Amino acid sequence: MSPECRAKYRRLGLFALGGVLGFVVDFMALHGMLLAGAGYYRGRLASFLCAVLCTWMFNRRWTFRERKANKGLLNEALRYLVAMSAGGTLNLVCYATAIELWPLSRQWPIFAVAVGCIAGMTLNFVSSTLWVFRRKSGDGF
């Protein structure tokens, strides 16, 4: 396997690991918000934002460390938030669908969170690779 191919698999693996970390943060924040009475949807919005912050910090430090943006930290964070919003929208739609159609997910919201996170991961990886942390040469993955 070529070094370039290994680097691509490494990046995908690290992105997935960051996603697992984000999933844990997401669910823990949702659980806290539900206990605080925020409800399924307001709680999920807050937990999603916590997960985005967590995954941005992880991906910046580990997954795309050689591709950090040169336009400033705040600019990169905002680009990441915008990029994750598309995946986040898909994530939230899948979460809401699971909550509404799958009674078990109301009892165990972790299942609905998992459905949403898995659905949004591919879109998030592509947007991170091609836009937020893209190489200057624009060679993609």
Protein backbone atom coordinates (compact mmCIF):
# COMPACT_ATOMS: atom_id res chain seq x y z
CA MET A 1 0.00 0.00 0.00
CA SER A 2 1.37 3.40 -0.95
CA PRO A 3 2.15 6.00 1.73
CA GLU A 4 -0.52 8.27 0.25
CA CYS A 5 -3.14 5.53 0.53
CA ARG A 6 -2.09 4.76 4.11
CA ALA A 7 -2.42 8.47 4.94
CA LYS A 8 -5.98 8.50 3.57
CA TYR A 9 -6.99 5.47 5.64
CA ARG A 10 -5.30 6.95 8.70
CA ARG A 11 -7.22 10.20 8.23
CA LEU A 12 -10.53 8.35 7.82
CA GLY A 13 -9.79 6.24 10.91
CA LEU A 14 -8.93 9.30 12.98
CA PHE A 15 -12.04 11.08 11.72
CA ALA A 16 -14.13 8.08 12.79
CA LEU A 17 -12.40 8.05 16.19
CA GLY A 18 -13.17 11.76 16.57
CA GLY A 19 -16.75 10.92 15.63
CA VAL A 20 -16.93 8.32 18.39
CA LEU A 21 -15.63 10.90 20.85
CA GLY A 22 -18.19 13.39 19.51
CA PHE A 23 -20.92 10.76 19.88
CA VAL A 24 -20.04 10.28 23.56
CA VAL A 25 -20.02 14.04 24.17
CA ASP A 26 -23.25 14.38 22.19
CA PHE A 27 -25.08 11.74 24.18
CA MET A 28 -23.76 12.90 27.55
CA ALA A 29 -24.80 16.49 26.80
CA LEU A 30 -28.21 15.31 25.57
CA HIS A 31 -28.71 13.25 28.71
CA GLY A 32 -27.83 16.27 30.85
CA MET A 33 -30.17 18.50 28.87
CA LEU A 34 -33.01 15.98 29.17
CA LEU A 35 -32.48 15.79 32.93
CA ALA A 36 -32.60 19.60 32.98
CA GLY A 37 -35.97 19.51 31.19
CA ALA A 38 -34.85 20.84 27.82
CA GLY A 39 -36.79 18.21 25.85
CA TYR A 40 -35.73 15.99 22.97
CA TYR A 41 -35.18 18.72 20.38
CA ARG A 42 -33.73 21.68 22.29
CA GLY A 43 -31.55 19.22 24.17
CA ARG A 44 -30.39 17.68 20.92
CA LEU A 45 -29.49 21.05 19.42
CA ALA A 46 -27.35 21.91 22.45
CA SER A 47 -25.73 18.48 22.48
CA PHE A 48 -24.96 18.73 18.76
CA LEU A 49 -23.14 22.04 19.26
CA CYS A 50 -21.10 20.48 22.07
CA ALA A 51 -20.19 17.58 19.79
CA VAL A 52 -19.18 19.94 16.95
CA LEU A 53 -16.83 21.84 19.25
CA CYS A 54 -15.34 18.57 20.50
CA THR A 55 -14.83 17.06 17.05
CA TRP A 56 -13.38 20.28 15.63
CA MET A 57 -10.75 20.36 18.37
CA PHE A 58 -9.95 16.66 17.86
CA ASN A 59 -9.82 16.84 14.06
CA ARG A 60 -7.73 20.01 14.13
CA ARG A 61 -5.21 18.43 16.48
CA TRP A 62 -5.10 14.87 15.11
CA THR A 63 -6.97 14.11 11.88
CA PHE A 64 -5.98 17.14 9.79
CA ARG A 65 -2.99 18.39 11.78
CA GLU A 66 -0.92 18.94 8.62
CA ARG A 67 -3.79 20.84 6.97
CA LYS A 68 -4.64 23.51 9.54
CA ALA A 69 -6.16 26.62 8.02
CA ASN A 70 -3.87 29.58 7.64
CA LYS A 71 -6.70 32.10 7.91
CA GLY A 72 -6.95 32.04 11.69
CA LEU A 73 -8.46 29.90 14.38
CA LEU A 74 -11.84 31.62 14.50
CA ASN A 75 -12.19 31.47 10.72
CA GLU A 76 -11.41 27.75 10.77
CA ALA A 77 -13.85 27.12 13.62
CA LEU A 78 -16.62 28.97 11.79
CA ARG A 79 -15.90 27.12 8.53
CA TYR A 80 -16.05 23.85 10.46
CA LEU A 81 -19.37 24.80 12.06
CA VAL A 82 -20.83 25.70 8.65
CA ALA A 83 -19.50 22.48 7.11
CA MET A 84 -20.85 20.38 9.95
CA SER A 85 -24.25 22.02 9.66
CA ALA A 86 -25.05 20.07 6.48
CA GLY A 87 -24.08 16.80 8.16
CA GLY A 88 -25.75 18.06 11.32
CA THR A 89 -28.98 18.71 9.46
CA LEU A 90 -28.93 15.17 8.12
CA ASN A 91 -28.01 13.97 11.61
CA LEU A 92 -30.93 15.82 13.23
CA VAL A 93 -33.44 14.72 10.58
CA CYS A 94 -32.44 11.09 11.11
CA TYR A 95 -32.56 11.59 14.90
CA ALA A 96 -36.06 13.13 14.71
CA THR A 97 -37.26 10.38 12.39
CA ALA A 98 -36.00 7.73 14.79
CA ILE A 99 -37.61 9.50 17.77
CA GLU A 100 -40.95 9.75 15.94
CA LEU A 101 -41.04 6.33 14.26
CA TRP A 102 -39.04 4.05 16.55
CA PRO A 103 -40.63 3.84 20.02
CA LEU A 104 -37.51 2.24 21.50
CA SER A 105 -35.55 5.41 20.74
CA ARG A 106 -37.83 7.42 23.03
CA GLN A 107 -36.98 5.06 25.85
CA TRP A 108 -33.31 4.88 24.89
CA PRO A 109 -32.39 8.10 23.01
CA ILE A 110 -28.86 6.79 22.49
CA PHE A 111 -30.22 4.73 19.58
CA ALA A 112 -31.64 7.83 17.87
CA VAL A 113 -28.38 9.71 18.47
CA ALA A 114 -26.44 6.80 16.91
CA VAL A 115 -28.67 6.78 13.82
CA GLY A 116 -28.13 10.51 13.36
CA CYS A 117 -24.38 10.39 13.94
CA ILE A 118 -23.81 7.57 11.50
CA ALA A 119 -25.87 9.28 8.80
CA GLY A 120 -23.98 12.56 9.08
CA MET A 121 -20.44 11.15 9.29
CA THR A 122 -19.76 10.65 5.59
CA LEU A 123 -21.00 14.08 4.63
CA ASN A 124 -18.96 15.62 7.46
CA PHE A 125 -15.79 13.81 6.41
CA VAL A 126 -16.10 14.93 2.81
CA SER A 127 -16.79 18.56 3.72
CA SER A 128 -13.92 18.60 6.23
CA THR A 129 -11.51 17.10 3.74
CA LEU A 130 -12.52 19.14 0.72
CA TRP A 131 -13.29 22.50 2.32
CA VAL A 132 -12.35 23.13 5.95
CA PHE A 133 -8.97 21.37 6.01
CA ARG A 134 -8.26 21.17 2.28
CA ARG A 135 -4.73 21.27 1.02
CA LYS A 136 -3.62 24.43 -0.71
CA SER A 137 -3.17 22.50 -3.95
CA GLY A 138 -6.83 21.47 -3.76
CA ASP A 139 -6.01 17.83 -4.43
CA GLY A 140 -8.88 16.61 -2.25
CA PHE A 141 -8.63 13.55 -0.11
